[in-house]
Amino acid sequence: MQKQLLKKLCCPIDKSDLEVQIFTEQEDEILEALMTCPECNRFFPVIYGLPILIPDEYRDFDMEGEVLTRWGFILDEKSETPQLLPEASTTE
């Protein structure tokens, strides 16, 4: 995904601006990143340069979970909508 595309993306649920954490990039290309919506608290990963911006019911959270774990996050299974928790918070 080209970095300049970030200016045009918004949350597909509530149309809010997304916050971005880039994990892997190559020149102007984002290969791995995590986009989060500060309004609805949903997350949208960028995997292999592809932003996953689809509704929750169509997402494969098992596939995304592997990448999220590598980045130091886990899914909060208690939440009605997919939420992220830092791995460290699960030890409390």
C-alpha atoms as a PDB file:
ATOM      1  CA  MET A   1       0.000   0.000   0.000  1.00  0.00           C
ATOM      2  CA  GLN A   2       1.407   3.379  -0.949  1.00  0.00           C
ATOM      3  CA  LYS A   3       1.897   5.799   1.974  1.00  0.00           C
ATOM      4  CA  GLN A   4      -0.010   8.510   0.134  1.00  0.00           C
ATOM      5  CA  LEU A   5      -3.129   6.319   0.232  1.00  0.00           C
ATOM      6  CA  LEU A   6      -3.289   6.821   4.030  1.00  0.00           C
ATOM      7  CA  LYS A   7      -4.576  10.371   3.478  1.00  0.00           C
ATOM      8  CA  LYS A   8      -7.614   9.002   1.636  1.00  0.00           C
ATOM      9  CA  LEU A   9      -8.571   6.111   3.917  1.00  0.00           C
ATOM     10  CA  CYS A  10     -11.170   6.314   6.668  1.00  0.00           C
ATOM     11  CA  CYS A  11     -12.977   3.877   8.942  1.00  0.00           C
ATOM     12  CA  PRO A  12     -15.455   1.912   6.798  1.00  0.00           C
ATOM     13  CA  ILE A  13     -17.860   1.756   9.751  1.00  0.00           C
ATOM     14  CA  ASP A  14     -18.137   5.373  10.922  1.00  0.00           C
ATOM     15  CA  LYS A  15     -15.991   7.282   8.379  1.00  0.00           C
ATOM     16  CA  SER A  16     -13.590   8.652  11.048  1.00  0.00           C
ATOM     17  CA  ASP A  17      -9.907   9.265  10.359  1.00  0.00           C
ATOM     18  CA  LEU A  18      -7.683   6.280  11.118  1.00  0.00           C
ATOM     19  CA  GLU A  19      -4.561   6.233  13.283  1.00  0.00           C
ATOM     20  CA  VAL A  20      -1.706   4.208  11.809  1.00  0.00           C
ATOM     21  CA  GLN A  21       1.184   2.216  13.283  1.00  0.00           C
ATOM     22  CA  ILE A  22       3.604   1.079  10.580  1.00  0.00           C
ATOM     23  CA  PHE A  23       5.553  -2.103  11.331  1.00  0.00           C
ATOM     24  CA  THR A  24       7.198  -2.930   7.990  1.00  0.00           C
ATOM     25  CA  GLU A  25       7.809  -0.647   5.052  1.00  0.00           C
ATOM     26  CA  GLN A  26       9.932  -0.600   1.943  1.00  0.00           C
ATOM     27  CA  GLU A  27      10.600   2.822   0.403  1.00  0.00           C
ATOM     28  CA  ASP A  28       7.128   4.422  -0.018  1.00  0.00           C
ATOM     29  CA  GLU A  29       5.321   1.087   0.312  1.00  0.00           C
ATOM     30  CA  ILE A  30       3.690   0.013   3.595  1.00  0.00           C
ATOM     31  CA  LEU A  31       3.877  -3.775   3.889  1.00  0.00           C
ATOM     32  CA  GLU A  32       2.579  -4.279   7.443  1.00  0.00           C
ATOM     33  CA  ALA A  33       0.668  -1.791   9.562  1.00  0.00           C
ATOM     34  CA  LEU A  34      -2.219  -1.496  11.962  1.00  0.00           C
ATOM     35  CA  MET A  35      -4.886   1.132  11.388  1.00  0.00           C
ATOM     36  CA  THR A  36      -7.226   1.869  14.286  1.00  0.00           C
ATOM     37  CA  CYS A  37     -10.347   3.992  14.544  1.00  0.00           C
ATOM     38  CA  PRO A  38     -10.386   6.204  17.662  1.00  0.00           C
ATOM     39  CA  GLU A  39     -14.195   6.508  17.487  1.00  0.00           C
ATOM     40  CA  CYS A  40     -15.420   2.904  17.239  1.00  0.00           C
ATOM     41  CA  ASN A  41     -12.141   1.275  18.426  1.00  0.00           C
ATOM     42  CA  ARG A  42     -12.060  -1.166  15.528  1.00  0.00           C
ATOM     43  CA  PHE A  43      -8.771  -2.152  13.941  1.00  0.00           C
ATOM     44  CA  PHE A  44      -7.800  -2.781  10.353  1.00  0.00           C
ATOM     45  CA  PRO A  45      -4.467  -4.448   9.560  1.00  0.00           C
ATOM     46  CA  VAL A  46      -2.348  -3.991   6.474  1.00  0.00           C
ATOM     47  CA  ILE A  47      -0.977  -7.427   5.565  1.00  0.00           C
ATOM     48  CA  TYR A  48       1.356  -8.006   2.588  1.00  0.00           C
ATOM     49  CA  GLY A  49       0.671  -4.401   1.571  1.00  0.00           C
ATOM     50  CA  LEU A  50      -3.112  -4.902   1.445  1.00  0.00           C
ATOM     51  CA  PRO A  51      -5.355  -2.891   3.794  1.00  0.00           C
ATOM     52  CA  ILE A  52      -8.150  -5.039   5.210  1.00  0.00           C
ATOM     53  CA  LEU A  53     -11.064  -2.608   5.437  1.00  0.00           C
ATOM     54  CA  ILE A  54     -14.076  -4.903   5.443  1.00  0.00           C
ATOM     55  CA  PRO A  55     -16.981  -5.276   7.902  1.00  0.00           C
ATOM     56  CA  ASP A  56     -16.436  -7.503  10.934  1.00  0.00           C
ATOM     57  CA  GLU A  57     -18.765 -10.260   9.753  1.00  0.00           C
ATOM     58  CA  TYR A  58     -16.628 -10.896   6.646  1.00  0.00           C
ATOM     59  CA  ARG A  59     -13.209 -10.854   8.312  1.00  0.00           C
ATOM     60  CA  ASP A  60     -11.035 -13.864   9.128  1.00  0.00           C
ATOM     61  CA  PHE A  61      -9.823 -13.042  12.642  1.00  0.00           C
ATOM     62  CA  ASP A  62      -7.921 -16.333  12.884  1.00  0.00           C
ATOM     63  CA  MET A  63      -5.713 -15.274   9.974  1.00  0.00           C
ATOM     64  CA  GLU A  64      -5.335 -11.739  11.348  1.00  0.00           C
ATOM     65  CA  GLY A  65      -4.578 -13.084  14.833  1.00  0.00           C
ATOM     66  CA  GLU A  66      -1.211 -14.523  13.758  1.00  0.00           C
ATOM     67  CA  VAL A  67      -0.045 -11.163  12.461  1.00  0.00           C
ATOM     68  CA  LEU A  68      -1.446  -9.273  15.465  1.00  0.00           C
ATOM     69  CA  THR A  69       0.393 -11.593  17.850  1.00  0.00           C
ATOM     70  CA  ARG A  70       3.649 -10.988  15.991  1.00  0.00           C
ATOM     71  CA  TRP A  71       3.051  -7.238  16.445  1.00  0.00           C
ATOM     72  CA  GLY A  72       2.428  -7.674  20.185  1.00  0.00           C
ATOM     73  CA  PHE A  73      -1.397  -7.554  20.271  1.00  0.00           C
ATOM     74  CA  ILE A  74      -4.187 -10.013  20.960  1.00  0.00           C
ATOM     75  CA  LEU A  75      -7.907  -9.908  20.231  1.00  0.00           C
ATOM     76  CA  ASP A  76     -10.283  -9.097  23.080  1.00  0.00           C
ATOM     77  CA  GLU A  77     -12.790 -11.918  22.725  1.00  0.00           C
ATOM     78  CA  LYS A  78     -15.055 -10.465  25.455  1.00  0.00           C
ATOM     79  CA  SER A  79     -15.915  -7.397  23.385  1.00  0.00           C
ATOM     80  CA  GLU A  80     -18.932  -7.238  21.064  1.00  0.00           C
ATOM     81  CA  THR A  81     -16.725  -5.756  18.345  1.00  0.00           C
ATOM     82  CA  PRO A  82     -13.129  -6.826  17.707  1.00  0.00           C
ATOM     83  CA  GLN A  83     -10.800  -4.886  19.985  1.00  0.00           C
ATOM     84  CA  LEU A  84      -7.064  -5.102  20.517  1.00  0.00           C
ATOM     85  CA  LEU A  85      -5.250  -5.537  23.797  1.00  0.00           C
ATOM     86  CA  PRO A  86      -1.487  -5.277  24.222  1.00  0.00           C
ATOM     87  CA  GLU A  87      -0.129  -8.712  25.144  1.00  0.00           C
ATOM     88  CA  ALA A  88       1.171  -7.386  28.459  1.00  0.00           C
ATOM     89  CA  SER A  89      -2.342  -6.582  29.708  1.00  0.00           C
ATOM     90  CA  THR A  90      -3.381 -10.250  29.582  1.00  0.00           C
ATOM     91  CA  THR A  91      -1.126 -11.124  32.495  1.00  0.00           C
ATOM     92  CA  GLU A  92      -3.127  -8.967  34.953  1.00  0.00           C
END
